[in-house]
Amino acid sequence: MQTTGIITDTNIDLETLKPKISILLDTEDKDTINKLKNENKLNIELKKWYPKRSIDANNYCWVLCEKIAQELSRDGTIMTKEDIYKDAVRTVGAFKALIIEEKAFEEFKCIWEKQGLGYQVQETARKDKCVRINCYYGSSSYNTKEMSRLIDSLVQEAQQLNIETKTKEDINSLLQQWH
């Protein structure tokens, strides 16, 4: 189960002296909560909530990728907007570093990359029949902060190529639109 919520109370368990928290969840799924309540131990991850990126910000990302690809292709080297996007994701995108057995590597890579264009596996080292990899997430999973970093990178590249870009204020506005 994955949801959002807010911490409503914190205190210390008097028996174990460990911290306890109460969370108000943004879900109506009482069945899942009741099933989880009976589990002995749970994996729990709490992190600051960021809103997902807007479709307008995503569209602008692709506009920049297209303009950069067109400009770079002027010298005869064929570049696509997809190439530019994938490079940008590898340059500034979110990733998970993993070590996987060599025999499972190709299948894992295939499964990971089927999730979307930005989902990429980059091999970084091989040792003792294991492969060290970086698994990049596509921008469809990015929050505002991550999408902002991706767009900022593309804007910098576009400006180096003398491609006109939106102002910082316009870009911030795109990233803040959630309606």
N, C-alpha and C. Protein backbone atom coordinates (compact mmCIF):
# COMPACT_ATOMS: atom_id res chain seq x y z
N MET A 1 0.85 -1.18 0.00
CA MET A 1 0.00 0.00 0.00
C MET A 1 0.89 1.24 0.00
N GLN A 2 0.55 2.18 -0.84
CA GLN A 2 1.27 3.45 -0.86
C GLN A 2 0.24 4.56 -0.87
N THR A 3 0.43 5.54 0.01
CA THR A 3 -0.50 6.66 0.10
C THR A 3 0.24 7.85 0.68
N THR A 4 -0.45 8.95 0.84
CA THR A 4 0.12 10.12 1.49
C THR A 4 -0.61 10.33 2.81
N GLY A 5 -0.11 11.25 3.61
CA GLY A 5 -0.74 11.53 4.89
C GLY A 5 0.07 12.54 5.67
N ILE A 6 -0.38 12.78 6.90
CA ILE A 6 0.35 13.71 7.76
C ILE A 6 0.55 13.08 9.13
N ILE A 7 1.68 13.42 9.76
CA ILE A 7 1.93 12.96 11.12
C ILE A 7 1.11 13.82 12.06
N THR A 8 0.29 13.18 12.88
CA THR A 8 -0.58 13.93 13.80
C THR A 8 -0.07 13.93 15.23
N ASP A 9 0.81 12.96 15.55
CA ASP A 9 1.31 12.89 16.92
C ASP A 9 2.60 12.09 16.96
N THR A 10 3.50 12.48 17.82
CA THR A 10 4.72 11.70 18.08
C THR A 10 4.89 11.57 19.58
N ASN A 11 5.39 10.42 20.01
CA ASN A 11 5.71 10.22 21.42
C ASN A 11 6.70 9.06 21.54
N ILE A 12 6.99 8.68 22.76
CA ILE A 12 7.94 7.60 23.03
C ILE A 12 7.20 6.44 23.67
N ASP A 13 7.44 5.23 23.17
CA ASP A 13 6.87 4.03 23.76
C ASP A 13 7.57 3.79 25.10
N LEU A 14 6.82 3.75 26.17
CA LEU A 14 7.41 3.64 27.51
C LEU A 14 8.09 2.30 27.76
N GLU A 15 7.64 1.26 27.09
CA GLU A 15 8.23 -0.06 27.28
C GLU A 15 9.56 -0.21 26.55
N THR A 16 9.62 0.21 25.29
CA THR A 16 10.83 0.02 24.47
C THR A 16 11.68 1.29 24.37
N LEU A 17 11.11 2.43 24.75
CA LEU A 17 11.76 3.74 24.63
C LEU A 17 12.04 4.13 23.18
N LYS A 18 11.30 3.53 22.25
CA LYS A 18 11.42 3.85 20.82
C LYS A 18 10.35 4.87 20.45
N PRO A 19 10.62 5.67 19.41
CA PRO A 19 9.61 6.66 19.00
C PRO A 19 8.37 6.00 18.38
N LYS A 20 7.23 6.62 18.62
CA LYS A 20 5.97 6.20 18.03
C LYS A 20 5.36 7.39 17.31
N ILE A 21 4.70 7.12 16.21
CA ILE A 21 4.01 8.20 15.49
C ILE A 21 2.59 7.77 15.14
N SER A 22 1.72 8.76 15.06
CA SER A 22 0.36 8.55 14.55
C SER A 22 0.27 9.28 13.23
N ILE A 23 -0.29 8.61 12.23
CA ILE A 23 -0.37 9.19 10.89
C ILE A 23 -1.82 9.19 10.43
N LEU A 24 -2.27 10.32 9.93
CA LEU A 24 -3.59 10.45 9.31
C LEU A 24 -3.39 10.19 7.82
N LEU A 25 -3.91 9.07 7.32
CA LEU A 25 -3.69 8.65 5.94
C LEU A 25 -4.73 9.23 4.99
N ASP A 26 -4.31 9.50 3.77
CA ASP A 26 -5.21 9.99 2.72
C ASP A 26 -5.76 8.81 1.91
N THR A 27 -6.45 7.90 2.59
CA THR A 27 -7.02 6.75 1.91
C THR A 27 -8.29 6.30 2.62
N GLU A 28 -9.11 5.63 1.87
CA GLU A 28 -10.34 5.03 2.43
C GLU A 28 -10.21 3.51 2.49
N ASP A 29 -9.05 2.98 2.14
CA ASP A 29 -8.82 1.54 2.02
C ASP A 29 -8.63 0.89 3.39
N LYS A 30 -9.73 0.70 4.11
CA LYS A 30 -9.67 0.14 5.46
C LYS A 30 -9.31 -1.34 5.45
N ASP A 31 -9.67 -2.07 4.38
CA ASP A 31 -9.37 -3.50 4.31
C ASP A 31 -7.86 -3.74 4.32
N THR A 32 -7.13 -3.01 3.50
CA THR A 32 -5.67 -3.17 3.44
C THR A 32 -5.04 -2.80 4.78
N ILE A 33 -5.52 -1.73 5.38
CA ILE A 33 -4.98 -1.29 6.67
C ILE A 33 -5.22 -2.35 7.74
N ASN A 34 -6.41 -2.93 7.75
CA ASN A 34 -6.71 -3.99 8.74
C ASN A 34 -5.84 -5.22 8.53
N LYS A 35 -5.56 -5.57 7.26
CA LYS A 35 -4.68 -6.71 6.98
C LYS A 35 -3.27 -6.40 7.45
N LEU A 36 -2.79 -5.20 7.19
CA LEU A 36 -1.44 -4.81 7.59
C LEU A 36 -1.31 -4.71 9.10
N LYS A 37 -2.40 -4.34 9.76
CA LYS A 37 -2.39 -4.20 11.21
C LYS A 37 -2.04 -5.51 11.90
N ASN A 38 -2.39 -6.62 11.27
CA ASN A 38 -2.14 -7.94 11.86
C ASN A 38 -0.76 -8.49 11.54
N GLU A 39 0.02 -7.77 10.75
CA GLU A 39 1.36 -8.24 10.41
C GLU A 39 2.31 -7.98 11.58
N ASN A 40 3.29 -8.85 11.74
CA ASN A 40 4.26 -8.73 12.82
C ASN A 40 5.21 -7.55 12.59
N LYS A 41 5.64 -7.37 11.35
CA LYS A 41 6.60 -6.30 11.03
C LYS A 41 6.32 -5.80 9.63
N LEU A 42 6.50 -4.50 9.40
CA LEU A 42 6.25 -3.87 8.10
C LEU A 42 7.48 -3.10 7.64
N ASN A 43 7.66 -2.99 6.35
CA ASN A 43 8.62 -2.05 5.78
C ASN A 43 7.91 -0.71 5.67
N ILE A 44 8.50 0.33 6.22
CA ILE A 44 7.86 1.64 6.24
C ILE A 44 8.84 2.67 5.71
N GLU A 45 8.37 3.51 4.81
CA GLU A 45 9.20 4.59 4.30
C GLU A 45 8.42 5.89 4.44
N LEU A 46 8.99 6.83 5.16
CA LEU A 46 8.39 8.15 5.31
C LEU A 46 9.33 9.15 4.66
N LYS A 47 8.80 9.97 3.78
CA LYS A 47 9.61 11.01 3.18
C LYS A 47 8.72 12.20 2.84
N LYS A 48 9.36 13.35 2.67
CA LYS A 48 8.62 14.57 2.38
C LYS A 48 7.84 14.41 1.08
N TRP A 49 6.61 14.89 1.07
CA TRP A 49 5.75 14.81 -0.10
C TRP A 49 6.07 15.95 -1.04
N TYR A 50 6.17 15.62 -2.32
CA TYR A 50 6.29 16.62 -3.39
C TYR A 50 5.19 16.34 -4.38
N PRO A 51 4.56 17.37 -4.93
CA PRO A 51 3.54 17.11 -5.95
C PRO A 51 4.19 16.57 -7.22
N LYS A 52 3.47 15.76 -7.96
CA LYS A 52 3.95 15.25 -9.24
C LYS A 52 4.06 16.42 -10.22
N ARG A 53 4.89 16.24 -11.25
CA ARG A 53 5.07 17.30 -12.23
C ARG A 53 3.82 17.45 -13.08
N SER A 54 3.62 18.64 -13.62
CA SER A 54 2.42 18.90 -14.42
C SER A 54 2.63 18.45 -15.85
N ILE A 55 1.53 18.24 -16.55
CA ILE A 55 1.61 17.88 -17.96
C ILE A 55 2.27 19.01 -18.74
N ASP A 56 2.01 20.28 -18.38
CA ASP A 56 2.63 21.39 -19.09
C ASP A 56 4.15 21.35 -18.96
N ALA A 57 4.65 21.03 -17.78
CA ALA A 57 6.09 20.93 -17.59
C ALA A 57 6.63 19.78 -18.43
N ASN A 58 5.90 18.68 -18.49
CA ASN A 58 6.31 17.54 -19.31
C ASN A 58 6.34 17.92 -20.78
N ASN A 59 5.32 18.64 -21.23
CA ASN A 59 5.28 19.07 -22.63
C ASN A 59 6.46 19.98 -22.96
N TYR A 60 6.80 20.89 -22.05
CA TYR A 60 7.92 21.78 -22.29
C TYR A 60 9.23 21.00 -22.35
N CYS A 61 9.36 19.99 -21.53
CA CYS A 61 10.54 19.11 -21.57
C CYS A 61 10.71 18.55 -22.98
N TRP A 62 9.62 18.08 -23.58
CA TRP A 62 9.70 17.49 -24.92
C TRP A 62 9.93 18.54 -26.00
N VAL A 63 9.40 19.74 -25.81
CA VAL A 63 9.67 20.83 -26.76
C VAL A 63 11.17 21.13 -26.78
N LEU A 64 11.76 21.21 -25.58
CA LEU A 64 13.20 21.48 -25.50
C LEU A 64 14.00 20.34 -26.15
N CYS A 65 13.61 19.11 -25.88
CA CYS A 65 14.32 17.96 -26.47
C CYS A 65 14.27 18.02 -28.00
N GLU A 66 13.12 18.36 -28.54
CA GLU A 66 12.96 18.46 -30.00
C GLU A 66 13.83 19.57 -30.58
N LYS A 67 13.82 20.74 -29.95
CA LYS A 67 14.62 21.86 -30.46
C LYS A 67 16.12 21.56 -30.39
N ILE A 68 16.55 20.95 -29.31
CA ILE A 68 17.97 20.59 -29.15
C ILE A 68 18.36 19.56 -30.20
N ALA A 69 17.51 18.55 -30.42
CA ALA A 69 17.79 17.51 -31.42
C ALA A 69 17.91 18.12 -32.82
N GLN A 70 17.00 19.03 -33.14
CA GLN A 70 17.05 19.68 -34.46
C GLN A 70 18.35 20.47 -34.63
N GLU A 71 18.73 21.21 -33.60
CA GLU A 71 19.94 22.02 -33.68
C GLU A 71 21.19 21.14 -33.80
N LEU A 72 21.26 20.08 -33.01
CA LEU A 72 22.42 19.20 -33.06
C LEU A 72 22.49 18.40 -34.36
N SER A 73 21.36 18.20 -35.01
CA SER A 73 21.31 17.44 -36.26
C SER A 73 21.73 18.27 -37.47
N ARG A 74 21.92 19.56 -37.29
CA ARG A 74 22.31 20.44 -38.40
C ARG A 74 23.66 20.06 -39.00
N ASP A 75 24.53 19.45 -38.20
CA ASP A 75 25.87 19.10 -38.69
C ASP A 75 25.89 17.73 -39.39
N GLY A 76 24.72 17.12 -39.57
CA GLY A 76 24.64 15.85 -40.27
C GLY A 76 24.51 14.65 -39.34
N THR A 77 24.80 14.83 -38.05
CA THR A 77 24.62 13.77 -37.08
C THR A 77 23.14 13.71 -36.72
N ILE A 78 22.53 12.58 -36.91
CA ILE A 78 21.09 12.47 -36.63
C ILE A 78 20.88 12.27 -35.14
N MET A 79 20.19 13.22 -34.54
CA MET A 79 19.81 13.15 -33.12
C MET A 79 18.29 13.23 -33.06
N THR A 80 17.68 12.44 -32.19
CA THR A 80 16.24 12.51 -32.01
C THR A 80 15.93 13.14 -30.66
N LYS A 81 14.70 13.58 -30.51
CA LYS A 81 14.29 14.13 -29.22
C LYS A 81 14.38 13.05 -28.14
N GLU A 82 14.15 11.80 -28.53
CA GLU A 82 14.26 10.70 -27.58
C GLU A 82 15.71 10.53 -27.10
N ASP A 83 16.68 10.69 -28.02
CA ASP A 83 18.09 10.62 -27.64
C ASP A 83 18.42 11.71 -26.62
N ILE A 84 17.95 12.92 -26.87
CA ILE A 84 18.23 14.05 -25.99
C ILE A 84 17.61 13.80 -24.62
N TYR A 85 16.37 13.33 -24.61
CA TYR A 85 15.67 13.04 -23.35
C TYR A 85 16.42 11.99 -22.54
N LYS A 86 16.79 10.89 -23.18
CA LYS A 86 17.49 9.81 -22.47
C LYS A 86 18.83 10.29 -21.92
N ASP A 87 19.55 11.10 -22.68
CA ASP A 87 20.82 11.67 -22.20
C ASP A 87 20.59 12.55 -20.98
N ALA A 88 19.55 13.37 -21.04
CA ALA A 88 19.25 14.28 -19.92
C ALA A 88 18.88 13.49 -18.67
N VAL A 89 18.10 12.44 -18.83
CA VAL A 89 17.73 11.60 -17.69
C VAL A 89 18.98 10.98 -17.06
N ARG A 90 19.90 10.50 -17.90
CA ARG A 90 21.14 9.91 -17.38
C ARG A 90 22.04 10.97 -16.73
N THR A 91 21.93 12.20 -17.18
CA THR A 91 22.79 13.26 -16.64
C THR A 91 22.29 13.76 -15.29
N VAL A 92 20.99 14.00 -15.16
CA VAL A 92 20.47 14.62 -13.92
C VAL A 92 19.33 13.85 -13.27
N GLY A 93 18.94 12.73 -13.85
CA GLY A 93 17.76 12.03 -13.37
C GLY A 93 17.97 11.20 -12.13
N ALA A 94 16.85 10.83 -11.54
CA ALA A 94 16.85 9.98 -10.36
C ALA A 94 17.19 8.55 -10.77
N PHE A 95 18.01 7.89 -9.95
CA PHE A 95 18.35 6.50 -10.24
C PHE A 95 18.57 5.73 -8.95
N LYS A 96 18.55 4.42 -9.08
CA LYS A 96 18.83 3.50 -7.98
C LYS A 96 20.05 2.68 -8.37
N ALA A 97 21.08 2.68 -7.53
CA ALA A 97 22.28 1.88 -7.77
C ALA A 97 22.04 0.48 -7.22
N LEU A 98 22.31 -0.53 -8.05
CA LEU A 98 22.10 -1.93 -7.66
C LEU A 98 23.28 -2.79 -8.09
N ILE A 99 23.39 -3.92 -7.47
CA ILE A 99 24.32 -4.96 -7.91
C ILE A 99 23.48 -6.20 -8.20
N ILE A 100 23.68 -6.78 -9.38
CA ILE A 100 22.85 -7.91 -9.80
C ILE A 100 23.77 -8.99 -10.38
N GLU A 101 23.36 -10.23 -10.26
CA GLU A 101 24.15 -11.32 -10.84
C GLU A 101 24.17 -11.20 -12.35
N GLU A 102 25.33 -11.52 -12.95
CA GLU A 102 25.48 -11.44 -14.41
C GLU A 102 24.39 -12.23 -15.14
N LYS A 103 24.07 -13.42 -14.63
CA LYS A 103 23.10 -14.27 -15.32
C LYS A 103 21.69 -13.67 -15.34
N ALA A 104 21.39 -12.76 -14.42
CA ALA A 104 20.07 -12.13 -14.37
C ALA A 104 20.05 -10.74 -15.01
N PHE A 105 21.22 -10.25 -15.38
CA PHE A 105 21.34 -8.87 -15.84
C PHE A 105 20.48 -8.55 -17.06
N GLU A 106 20.60 -9.33 -18.13
CA GLU A 106 19.89 -9.01 -19.37
C GLU A 106 18.37 -9.04 -19.19
N GLU A 107 17.88 -10.03 -18.45
CA GLU A 107 16.43 -10.11 -18.21
C GLU A 107 15.96 -8.93 -17.37
N PHE A 108 16.73 -8.60 -16.32
CA PHE A 108 16.36 -7.46 -15.49
C PHE A 108 16.34 -6.17 -16.32
N LYS A 109 17.36 -5.97 -17.13
CA LYS A 109 17.45 -4.77 -17.97
C LYS A 109 16.24 -4.66 -18.89
N CYS A 110 15.89 -5.77 -19.50
CA CYS A 110 14.73 -5.79 -20.41
C CYS A 110 13.44 -5.41 -19.67
N ILE A 111 13.24 -5.98 -18.51
CA ILE A 111 12.03 -5.70 -17.72
C ILE A 111 12.01 -4.24 -17.27
N TRP A 112 13.14 -3.75 -16.77
CA TRP A 112 13.22 -2.36 -16.28
C TRP A 112 12.93 -1.37 -17.41
N GLU A 113 13.55 -1.58 -18.56
CA GLU A 113 13.44 -0.61 -19.65
C GLU A 113 12.09 -0.66 -20.36
N LYS A 114 11.30 -1.71 -20.13
CA LYS A 114 9.95 -1.78 -20.71
C LYS A 114 8.98 -0.79 -20.03
N GLN A 115 9.39 -0.23 -18.91
CA GLN A 115 8.50 0.69 -18.18
C GLN A 115 8.32 2.03 -18.89
N GLY A 116 9.24 2.39 -19.75
CA GLY A 116 9.12 3.65 -20.46
C GLY A 116 10.49 4.11 -20.96
N LEU A 117 10.47 5.14 -21.79
CA LEU A 117 11.67 5.62 -22.46
C LEU A 117 12.76 6.06 -21.48
N GLY A 118 12.40 6.73 -20.41
CA GLY A 118 13.40 7.23 -19.46
C GLY A 118 13.95 6.16 -18.54
N TYR A 119 13.26 5.04 -18.44
CA TYR A 119 13.72 3.94 -17.58
C TYR A 119 14.88 3.24 -18.29
N GLN A 120 16.08 3.47 -17.77
CA GLN A 120 17.28 2.98 -18.42
C GLN A 120 18.16 2.26 -17.40
N VAL A 121 18.93 1.31 -17.89
CA VAL A 121 19.90 0.60 -17.06
C VAL A 121 21.28 0.90 -17.62
N GLN A 122 22.14 1.43 -16.78
CA GLN A 122 23.51 1.76 -17.18
C GLN A 122 24.47 0.90 -16.37
N GLU A 123 25.23 0.09 -17.07
CA GLU A 123 26.23 -0.76 -16.41
C GLU A 123 27.41 0.11 -16.01
N THR A 124 27.87 -0.03 -14.76
CA THR A 124 29.01 0.77 -14.30
C THR A 124 30.23 -0.08 -13.97
N ALA A 125 30.06 -1.38 -13.69
CA ALA A 125 31.21 -2.24 -13.39
C ALA A 125 30.78 -3.70 -13.37
N ARG A 126 31.76 -4.59 -13.57
CA ARG A 126 31.54 -6.04 -13.44
C ARG A 126 32.64 -6.61 -12.56
N LYS A 127 32.25 -7.50 -11.65
CA LYS A 127 33.22 -8.14 -10.77
C LYS A 127 32.58 -9.37 -10.13
N ASP A 128 33.32 -10.45 -10.06
CA ASP A 128 32.87 -11.67 -9.37
C ASP A 128 31.48 -12.12 -9.82
N LYS A 129 31.25 -12.16 -11.12
CA LYS A 129 29.98 -12.61 -11.71
C LYS A 129 28.79 -11.74 -11.31
N CYS A 130 29.08 -10.48 -10.95
CA CYS A 130 28.04 -9.52 -10.61
C CYS A 130 28.21 -8.27 -11.47
N VAL A 131 27.12 -7.56 -11.67
CA VAL A 131 27.14 -6.33 -12.46
C VAL A 131 26.62 -5.20 -11.58
N ARG A 132 27.38 -4.14 -11.51
CA ARG A 132 26.93 -2.94 -10.79
C ARG A 132 26.23 -2.06 -11.82
N ILE A 133 25.01 -1.61 -11.49
CA ILE A 133 24.21 -0.84 -12.45
C ILE A 133 23.54 0.35 -11.78
N ASN A 134 23.23 1.33 -12.60
CA ASN A 134 22.38 2.44 -12.20
C ASN A 134 21.07 2.28 -12.97
N CYS A 135 19.97 2.23 -12.24
CA CYS A 135 18.64 2.08 -12.84
C CYS A 135 17.94 3.43 -12.78
N TYR A 136 17.82 4.07 -13.94
CA TYR A 136 17.23 5.40 -14.01
C TYR A 136 15.71 5.31 -14.14
N TYR A 137 15.05 6.24 -13.48
CA TYR A 137 13.59 6.34 -13.53
C TYR A 137 13.20 7.34 -14.62
N GLY A 138 12.11 7.05 -15.32
CA GLY A 138 11.60 7.99 -16.31
C GLY A 138 10.93 9.17 -15.64
N SER A 139 10.83 10.28 -16.37
CA SER A 139 10.28 11.50 -15.79
C SER A 139 8.81 11.39 -15.42
N SER A 140 8.12 10.36 -15.92
CA SER A 140 6.72 10.18 -15.53
C SER A 140 6.59 9.92 -14.03
N SER A 141 7.67 9.50 -13.39
CA SER A 141 7.64 9.24 -11.95
C SER A 141 8.21 10.40 -11.13
N TYR A 142 8.66 11.48 -11.80
CA TYR A 142 9.33 12.57 -11.11
C TYR A 142 8.37 13.45 -10.32
N ASN A 143 8.87 13.99 -9.21
CA ASN A 143 8.15 15.02 -8.49
C ASN A 143 8.58 16.38 -9.05
N THR A 144 8.06 17.46 -8.50
CA THR A 144 8.35 18.80 -9.02
C THR A 144 9.84 19.11 -8.99
N LYS A 145 10.49 18.77 -7.90
CA LYS A 145 11.92 19.07 -7.75
C LYS A 145 12.75 18.33 -8.80
N GLU A 146 12.45 17.05 -9.01
CA GLU A 146 13.19 16.26 -10.00
C GLU A 146 12.92 16.75 -11.42
N MET A 147 11.66 17.09 -11.71
CA MET A 147 11.32 17.57 -13.05
C MET A 147 11.97 18.93 -13.29
N SER A 148 12.03 19.76 -12.27
CA SER A 148 12.68 21.06 -12.38
C SER A 148 14.15 20.89 -12.73
N ARG A 149 14.81 19.93 -12.09
CA ARG A 149 16.23 19.68 -12.38
C ARG A 149 16.42 19.23 -13.83
N LEU A 150 15.52 18.38 -14.33
CA LEU A 150 15.60 17.90 -15.70
C LEU A 150 15.39 19.05 -16.69
N ILE A 151 14.38 19.86 -16.45
CA ILE A 151 14.11 20.98 -17.36
C ILE A 151 15.25 22.00 -17.29
N ASP A 152 15.76 22.29 -16.10
CA ASP A 152 16.88 23.23 -15.98
C ASP A 152 18.08 22.75 -16.80
N SER A 153 18.35 21.47 -16.77
CA SER A 153 19.46 20.91 -17.55
C SER A 153 19.23 21.10 -19.05
N LEU A 154 18.01 20.82 -19.49
CA LEU A 154 17.67 20.99 -20.91
C LEU A 154 17.72 22.46 -21.32
N VAL A 155 17.27 23.35 -20.44
CA VAL A 155 17.33 24.79 -20.73
C VAL A 155 18.77 25.23 -20.88
N GLN A 156 19.65 24.78 -20.01
CA GLN A 156 21.07 25.13 -20.11
C GLN A 156 21.66 24.66 -21.43
N GLU A 157 21.34 23.43 -21.81
CA GLU A 157 21.84 22.91 -23.08
C GLU A 157 21.29 23.71 -24.26
N ALA A 158 20.00 24.03 -24.20
CA ALA A 158 19.39 24.82 -25.28
C ALA A 158 20.04 26.20 -25.38
N GLN A 159 20.26 26.84 -24.26
CA GLN A 159 20.87 28.17 -24.27
C GLN A 159 22.29 28.13 -24.82
N GLN A 160 23.05 27.07 -24.53
CA GLN A 160 24.39 26.92 -25.10
C GLN A 160 24.36 26.81 -26.62
N LEU A 161 23.24 26.33 -27.14
CA LEU A 161 23.06 26.19 -28.59
C LEU A 161 22.33 27.40 -29.18
N ASN A 162 22.16 28.45 -28.38
CA ASN A 162 21.46 29.68 -28.79
C ASN A 162 20.01 29.43 -29.19
N ILE A 163 19.38 28.50 -28.50
CA ILE A 163 17.95 28.22 -28.70
C ILE A 163 17.19 29.04 -27.67
N GLU A 164 16.17 29.73 -28.13
CA GLU A 164 15.36 30.55 -27.23
C GLU A 164 14.58 29.65 -26.27
N THR A 165 14.56 30.04 -25.00
CA THR A 165 13.85 29.26 -23.97
C THR A 165 12.90 30.18 -23.21
N LYS A 166 12.01 29.57 -22.46
CA LYS A 166 11.12 30.33 -21.60
C LYS A 166 11.93 30.97 -20.48
N THR A 167 11.38 32.01 -19.88
CA THR A 167 12.04 32.64 -18.73
C THR A 167 11.93 31.72 -17.52
N LYS A 168 12.77 31.96 -16.55
CA LYS A 168 12.73 31.18 -15.31
C LYS A 168 11.35 31.27 -14.65
N GLU A 169 10.76 32.45 -14.70
CA GLU A 169 9.43 32.65 -14.11
C GLU A 169 8.38 31.81 -14.84
N ASP A 170 8.45 31.77 -16.18
CA ASP A 170 7.51 30.96 -16.96
C ASP A 170 7.67 29.48 -16.64
N ILE A 171 8.92 29.05 -16.52
CA ILE A 171 9.19 27.64 -16.21
C ILE A 171 8.67 27.30 -14.82
N ASN A 172 8.93 28.18 -13.86
CA ASN A 172 8.41 27.95 -12.50
C ASN A 172 6.89 27.87 -12.51
N SER A 173 6.26 28.69 -13.32
CA SER A 173 4.81 28.67 -13.42
C SER A 173 4.33 27.33 -13.98
N LEU A 174 5.03 26.81 -15.00
CA LEU A 174 4.67 25.50 -15.55
C LEU A 174 4.75 24.41 -14.49
N LEU A 175 5.80 24.50 -13.68
CA LEU A 175 6.03 23.47 -12.66
C LEU A 175 5.02 23.57 -11.51
N GLN A 176 4.42 24.72 -11.31
CA GLN A 176 3.50 24.91 -10.19
C GLN A 176 2.03 24.67 -10.56
N GLN A 177 1.75 24.48 -11.84
CA GLN A 177 0.35 24.29 -12.28
C GLN A 177 -0.09 22.85 -12.02
N TRP A 178 -1.07 22.70 -11.17
CA TRP A 178 -1.52 21.35 -10.84
C TRP A 178 -3.01 21.16 -11.12
N HIS A 179 -3.63 22.10 -11.81
CA HIS A 179 -5.08 21.99 -12.04
C HIS A 179 -5.35 21.33 -13.37
